[in-house]
Amino acid sequence: MYYSNLTDDILVDLLKNDDAKAFEVIYRRYWRQLYGFVYQQLGSKEESEEIVHDLMLSLWQNRQQSQIQNLKVYFFIAARNLTNKFIKSQINLRKYREYQILHEVFEKIDANEIFNVNELSKAIEQALKKMPEKTATIFKMSKIEELPVKKIASQMDLTEKAVEYHITKSLKMLRLYLQDFHSDN
């Protein structure tokens, strides 16, 4: 039997009967498409791979209970849901992390210390150069140009959740870089 010639419906039926070869064909058939779909939302190779891996693992672990009618639709809805769940978890952390960053920065600054704005600007620019381009762009739009998330999402052709994810990512990277900057001065 040539598994690669089988329809999704037949592969799903074989999968329900613990056929590992059917799972392998499904995996090879859909992995690249799912990865591209998730990567488009997140812009992160590692996190996209992890989400697709989790989706495939879930398919295998729940194979006997699955009620899949259309495998392609199932995969893309599940990938969208897992991606949204991941981004939402990052958004929930974002506000807390922003508070932490500001709190840490203000704790370290002595009231008598004179802050050199030019040096700080240079340090921020250096940190932005180390970030992925999309993340740095979104940070600039959000924190420097003070554009709302909705407008950034529209301009960047991303979801609002993806924009929030990039803001969180940029703040995390900026905090790490500015800690080094502060300790050098």
C-alpha atoms as a PDB file:
ATOM      1  CA  MET A   1       0.000   0.000   0.000  1.00  0.00           C
ATOM      2  CA  TYR A   2       1.332   3.430  -0.995  1.00  0.00           C
ATOM      3  CA  TYR A   3       0.377   5.642   1.913  1.00  0.00           C
ATOM      4  CA  SER A   4       1.364   8.851   0.158  1.00  0.00           C
ATOM      5  CA  ASN A   5      -1.396   8.258  -2.423  1.00  0.00           C
ATOM      6  CA  LEU A   6      -4.113   7.855   0.214  1.00  0.00           C
ATOM      7  CA  THR A   7      -6.681  10.565   0.932  1.00  0.00           C
ATOM      8  CA  ASP A   8      -6.693  12.428   4.232  1.00  0.00           C
ATOM      9  CA  ASP A   9      -9.893  10.624   5.275  1.00  0.00           C
ATOM     10  CA  ILE A  10      -8.306   7.194   4.830  1.00  0.00           C
ATOM     11  CA  LEU A  11      -5.134   8.320   6.614  1.00  0.00           C
ATOM     12  CA  VAL A  12      -7.219   9.582   9.555  1.00  0.00           C
ATOM     13  CA  ASP A  13      -9.028   6.232   9.747  1.00  0.00           C
ATOM     14  CA  LEU A  14      -5.690   4.396   9.703  1.00  0.00           C
ATOM     15  CA  LEU A  15      -4.362   6.782  12.338  1.00  0.00           C
ATOM     16  CA  LYS A  16      -7.303   5.970  14.635  1.00  0.00           C
ATOM     17  CA  ASN A  17      -6.159   2.342  14.412  1.00  0.00           C
ATOM     18  CA  ASP A  18      -2.641   3.254  15.624  1.00  0.00           C
ATOM     19  CA  ASP A  19      -1.016   3.195  12.187  1.00  0.00           C
ATOM     20  CA  ALA A  20       2.285   5.040  12.675  1.00  0.00           C
ATOM     21  CA  LYS A  21       2.985   5.085   8.939  1.00  0.00           C
ATOM     22  CA  ALA A  22      -0.274   6.993   8.354  1.00  0.00           C
ATOM     23  CA  PHE A  23       0.817   9.523  10.982  1.00  0.00           C
ATOM     24  CA  GLU A  24       4.186   9.893   9.271  1.00  0.00           C
ATOM     25  CA  VAL A  25       2.510  10.626   5.921  1.00  0.00           C
ATOM     26  CA  ILE A  26       0.146  13.147   7.542  1.00  0.00           C
ATOM     27  CA  TYR A  27       3.098  14.795   9.269  1.00  0.00           C
ATOM     28  CA  ARG A  28       5.096  15.104   6.027  1.00  0.00           C
ATOM     29  CA  ARG A  29       2.032  16.260   4.082  1.00  0.00           C
ATOM     30  CA  TYR A  30       1.116  19.135   6.430  1.00  0.00           C
ATOM     31  CA  TRP A  31       4.174  20.113   8.490  1.00  0.00           C
ATOM     32  CA  ARG A  32       5.586  22.704   6.092  1.00  0.00           C
ATOM     33  CA  GLN A  33       2.210  24.380   5.460  1.00  0.00           C
ATOM     34  CA  LEU A  34       1.441  24.558   9.187  1.00  0.00           C
ATOM     35  CA  TYR A  35       4.892  25.871  10.007  1.00  0.00           C
ATOM     36  CA  GLY A  36       4.527  28.628   7.389  1.00  0.00           C
ATOM     37  CA  PHE A  37       1.098  29.549   8.713  1.00  0.00           C
ATOM     38  CA  VAL A  38       2.301  29.813  12.329  1.00  0.00           C
ATOM     39  CA  TYR A  39       5.567  31.532  11.388  1.00  0.00           C
ATOM     40  CA  GLN A  40       3.623  34.214   9.507  1.00  0.00           C
ATOM     41  CA  GLN A  41       1.850  35.067  12.769  1.00  0.00           C
ATOM     42  CA  LEU A  42       4.821  34.840  15.149  1.00  0.00           C
ATOM     43  CA  GLY A  43       7.917  35.562  13.080  1.00  0.00           C
ATOM     44  CA  SER A  44       9.874  33.162  15.304  1.00  0.00           C
ATOM     45  CA  LYS A  45      11.341  29.944  13.962  1.00  0.00           C
ATOM     46  CA  GLU A  46      11.704  28.194  17.327  1.00  0.00           C
ATOM     47  CA  GLU A  47       8.256  29.061  18.636  1.00  0.00           C
ATOM     48  CA  SER A  48       6.615  28.189  15.311  1.00  0.00           C
ATOM     49  CA  GLU A  49       8.339  24.800  15.286  1.00  0.00           C
ATOM     50  CA  GLU A  50       7.271  24.196  18.881  1.00  0.00           C
ATOM     51  CA  ILE A  51       3.622  24.989  18.153  1.00  0.00           C
ATOM     52  CA  VAL A  52       3.541  22.696  15.100  1.00  0.00           C
ATOM     53  CA  HIS A  53       5.283  19.982  17.103  1.00  0.00           C
ATOM     54  CA  ASP A  54       2.693  20.333  19.893  1.00  0.00           C
ATOM     55  CA  LEU A  55      -0.115  20.145  17.337  1.00  0.00           C
ATOM     56  CA  MET A  56       1.279  16.967  15.770  1.00  0.00           C
ATOM     57  CA  LEU A  57       1.933  15.428  19.183  1.00  0.00           C
ATOM     58  CA  SER A  58      -1.653  16.156  20.196  1.00  0.00           C
ATOM     59  CA  LEU A  59      -2.924  14.534  16.998  1.00  0.00           C
ATOM     60  CA  TRP A  60      -0.951  11.370  17.775  1.00  0.00           C
ATOM     61  CA  GLN A  61      -1.859  11.267  21.473  1.00  0.00           C
ATOM     62  CA  ASN A  62      -5.576  11.790  20.793  1.00  0.00           C
ATOM     63  CA  ARG A  63      -5.746   9.733  17.614  1.00  0.00           C
ATOM     64  CA  GLN A  64      -8.273   7.186  18.887  1.00  0.00           C
ATOM     65  CA  GLN A  65     -10.727   9.802  20.201  1.00  0.00           C
ATOM     66  CA  SER A  66     -10.425  12.185  17.280  1.00  0.00           C
ATOM     67  CA  GLN A  67     -13.554  13.173  15.375  1.00  0.00           C
ATOM     68  CA  ILE A  68     -11.751  14.825  12.451  1.00  0.00           C
ATOM     69  CA  GLN A  69     -14.008  15.442   9.455  1.00  0.00           C
ATOM     70  CA  ASN A  70     -11.567  17.453   7.341  1.00  0.00           C
ATOM     71  CA  LEU A  71      -7.895  17.093   8.276  1.00  0.00           C
ATOM     72  CA  LYS A  72      -6.692  20.289   6.592  1.00  0.00           C
ATOM     73  CA  VAL A  73      -9.395  22.419   8.236  1.00  0.00           C
ATOM     74  CA  TYR A  74      -8.733  20.717  11.576  1.00  0.00           C
ATOM     75  CA  PHE A  75      -5.006  21.453  11.351  1.00  0.00           C
ATOM     76  CA  PHE A  76      -5.345  25.110  10.448  1.00  0.00           C
ATOM     77  CA  ILE A  77      -7.988  25.820  13.081  1.00  0.00           C
ATOM     78  CA  ALA A  78      -5.909  24.019  15.704  1.00  0.00           C
ATOM     79  CA  ALA A  79      -2.739  25.860  14.586  1.00  0.00           C
ATOM     80  CA  ARG A  80      -4.554  29.197  14.756  1.00  0.00           C
ATOM     81  CA  ASN A  81      -5.885  28.387  18.232  1.00  0.00           C
ATOM     82  CA  LEU A  82      -2.488  27.262  19.545  1.00  0.00           C
ATOM     83  CA  THR A  83      -0.830  30.344  18.058  1.00  0.00           C
ATOM     84  CA  ASN A  84      -3.439  32.647  19.591  1.00  0.00           C
ATOM     85  CA  LYS A  85      -3.090  30.886  22.942  1.00  0.00           C
ATOM     86  CA  PHE A  86       0.682  31.357  22.825  1.00  0.00           C
ATOM     87  CA  ILE A  87       0.415  35.028  21.876  1.00  0.00           C
ATOM     88  CA  LYS A  88      -2.217  35.598  24.567  1.00  0.00           C
ATOM     89  CA  SER A  89       0.099  34.115  27.191  1.00  0.00           C
ATOM     90  CA  GLN A  90       2.792  36.517  26.012  1.00  0.00           C
ATOM     91  CA  ILE A  91       0.376  39.466  26.173  1.00  0.00           C
ATOM     92  CA  ASN A  92      -0.591  38.621  29.746  1.00  0.00           C
ATOM     93  CA  LEU A  93       3.072  38.734  30.665  1.00  0.00           C
ATOM     94  CA  ARG A  94       3.721  41.922  28.700  1.00  0.00           C
ATOM     95  CA  LYS A  95       2.108  44.396  31.039  1.00  0.00           C
ATOM     96  CA  TYR A  96       3.718  42.773  34.048  1.00  0.00           C
ATOM     97  CA  ARG A  97       7.107  42.758  32.337  1.00  0.00           C
ATOM     98  CA  GLU A  98       6.766  46.424  31.376  1.00  0.00           C
ATOM     99  CA  TYR A  99       6.101  47.202  35.018  1.00  0.00           C
ATOM    100  CA  GLN A 100       9.093  45.090  36.066  1.00  0.00           C
ATOM    101  CA  ILE A 101      11.400  46.776  33.561  1.00  0.00           C
ATOM    102  CA  LEU A 102      10.414  50.268  34.639  1.00  0.00           C
ATOM    103  CA  HIS A 103      10.630  49.311  38.303  1.00  0.00           C
ATOM    104  CA  GLU A 104      14.114  47.812  37.855  1.00  0.00           C
ATOM    105  CA  VAL A 105      15.383  50.805  35.901  1.00  0.00           C
ATOM    106  CA  PHE A 106      14.107  53.316  38.459  1.00  0.00           C
ATOM    107  CA  GLU A 107      15.434  51.236  41.357  1.00  0.00           C
ATOM    108  CA  LYS A 108      18.946  51.280  39.901  1.00  0.00           C
ATOM    109  CA  ILE A 109      19.047  54.991  39.159  1.00  0.00           C
ATOM    110  CA  ASP A 110      20.466  57.043  41.993  1.00  0.00           C
ATOM    111  CA  ALA A 111      18.552  60.274  42.531  1.00  0.00           C
ATOM    112  CA  ASN A 112      21.800  62.246  42.199  1.00  0.00           C
ATOM    113  CA  GLU A 113      22.911  60.408  39.067  1.00  0.00           C
ATOM    114  CA  ILE A 114      22.846  62.496  35.908  1.00  0.00           C
ATOM    115  CA  PHE A 115      21.558  60.556  32.961  1.00  0.00           C
ATOM    116  CA  ASN A 116      23.262  61.162  29.654  1.00  0.00           C
ATOM    117  CA  VAL A 117      20.399  61.067  27.162  1.00  0.00           C
ATOM    118  CA  ASN A 118      22.720  60.674  24.174  1.00  0.00           C
ATOM    119  CA  GLU A 119      24.387  57.608  25.681  1.00  0.00           C
ATOM    120  CA  LEU A 120      21.006  56.100  26.520  1.00  0.00           C
ATOM    121  CA  SER A 121      19.740  56.760  22.991  1.00  0.00           C
ATOM    122  CA  LYS A 122      22.841  55.102  21.559  1.00  0.00           C
ATOM    123  CA  ALA A 123      22.376  52.103  23.865  1.00  0.00           C
ATOM    124  CA  ILE A 124      18.740  51.738  22.777  1.00  0.00           C
ATOM    125  CA  GLU A 125      19.736  51.980  19.093  1.00  0.00           C
ATOM    126  CA  GLN A 126      22.393  49.277  19.634  1.00  0.00           C
ATOM    127  CA  ALA A 127      19.814  47.065  21.335  1.00  0.00           C
ATOM    128  CA  LEU A 128      17.370  47.577  18.458  1.00  0.00           C
ATOM    129  CA  LYS A 129      20.064  46.546  15.946  1.00  0.00           C
ATOM    130  CA  LYS A 130      20.425  43.240  17.796  1.00  0.00           C
ATOM    131  CA  MET A 131      16.685  42.491  17.563  1.00  0.00           C
ATOM    132  CA  PRO A 132      14.982  40.806  14.615  1.00  0.00           C
ATOM    133  CA  GLU A 133      13.963  43.510  12.142  1.00  0.00           C
ATOM    134  CA  LYS A 134      10.202  43.029  12.576  1.00  0.00           C
ATOM    135  CA  THR A 135      10.493  43.111  16.382  1.00  0.00           C
ATOM    136  CA  ALA A 136      12.600  46.289  16.333  1.00  0.00           C
ATOM    137  CA  THR A 137      10.235  47.991  13.891  1.00  0.00           C
ATOM    138  CA  ILE A 138       7.209  47.177  16.020  1.00  0.00           C
ATOM    139  CA  PHE A 139       9.013  48.410  19.158  1.00  0.00           C
ATOM    140  CA  LYS A 140       9.812  51.739  17.467  1.00  0.00           C
ATOM    141  CA  MET A 141       6.245  52.131  16.248  1.00  0.00           C
ATOM    142  CA  SER A 142       4.802  51.317  19.674  1.00  0.00           C
ATOM    143  CA  LYS A 143       7.179  52.969  22.120  1.00  0.00           C
ATOM    144  CA  ILE A 144       8.861  55.719  20.128  1.00  0.00           C
ATOM    145  CA  GLU A 145       6.175  56.753  17.646  1.00  0.00           C
ATOM    146  CA  GLU A 146       3.504  55.817  20.230  1.00  0.00           C
ATOM    147  CA  LEU A 147       1.192  54.213  17.668  1.00  0.00           C
ATOM    148  CA  PRO A 148      -1.635  52.052  19.032  1.00  0.00           C
ATOM    149  CA  VAL A 149      -1.381  48.289  18.630  1.00  0.00           C
ATOM    150  CA  LYS A 150      -4.370  48.241  16.263  1.00  0.00           C
ATOM    151  CA  LYS A 151      -2.700  50.695  13.868  1.00  0.00           C
ATOM    152  CA  ILE A 152       0.619  48.823  13.983  1.00  0.00           C
ATOM    153  CA  ALA A 153      -1.178  45.555  13.241  1.00  0.00           C
ATOM    154  CA  SER A 154      -2.884  47.145  10.257  1.00  0.00           C
ATOM    155  CA  GLN A 155       0.315  48.685   8.883  1.00  0.00           C
ATOM    156  CA  MET A 156       2.393  45.528   9.417  1.00  0.00           C
ATOM    157  CA  ASP A 157      -0.368  43.183   8.179  1.00  0.00           C
ATOM    158  CA  LEU A 158      -0.303  41.234  11.465  1.00  0.00           C
ATOM    159  CA  THR A 159      -2.830  40.358  14.111  1.00  0.00           C
ATOM    160  CA  GLU A 160      -2.991  42.559  17.187  1.00  0.00           C
ATOM    161  CA  LYS A 161      -1.855  39.574  19.234  1.00  0.00           C
ATOM    162  CA  ALA A 162       1.234  39.159  17.051  1.00  0.00           C
ATOM    163  CA  VAL A 163       2.069  42.850  17.553  1.00  0.00           C
ATOM    164  CA  GLU A 164       1.694  42.439  21.327  1.00  0.00           C
ATOM    165  CA  TYR A 165       3.992  39.416  21.149  1.00  0.00           C
ATOM    166  CA  HIS A 166       6.699  41.439  19.351  1.00  0.00           C
ATOM    167  CA  ILE A 167       6.376  44.285  21.857  1.00  0.00           C
ATOM    168  CA  THR A 168       6.876  41.833  24.722  1.00  0.00           C
ATOM    169  CA  LYS A 169       9.838  40.271  22.953  1.00  0.00           C
ATOM    170  CA  SER A 170      11.460  43.667  22.301  1.00  0.00           C
ATOM    171  CA  LEU A 171      10.997  44.826  25.887  1.00  0.00           C
ATOM    172  CA  LYS A 172      12.575  41.642  27.177  1.00  0.00           C
ATOM    173  CA  MET A 173      15.583  42.072  24.893  1.00  0.00           C
ATOM    174  CA  LEU A 174      15.840  45.772  25.689  1.00  0.00           C
ATOM    175  CA  ARG A 175      15.794  45.104  29.415  1.00  0.00           C
ATOM    176  CA  LEU A 176      18.662  42.631  29.078  1.00  0.00           C
ATOM    177  CA  TYR A 177      20.683  45.017  26.956  1.00  0.00           C
ATOM    178  CA  LEU A 178      20.060  48.060  29.133  1.00  0.00           C
ATOM    179  CA  GLN A 179      21.073  46.140  32.242  1.00  0.00           C
ATOM    180  CA  ASP A 180      24.478  45.720  30.618  1.00  0.00           C
ATOM    181  CA  PHE A 181      24.467  49.392  29.587  1.00  0.00           C
ATOM    182  CA  HIS A 182      23.630  50.548  33.098  1.00  0.00           C
ATOM    183  CA  SER A 183      26.268  48.366  34.756  1.00  0.00           C
ATOM    184  CA  ASP A 184      28.950  49.817  32.420  1.00  0.00           C
ATOM    185  CA  ASN A 185      28.239  53.383  33.617  1.00  0.00           C
END
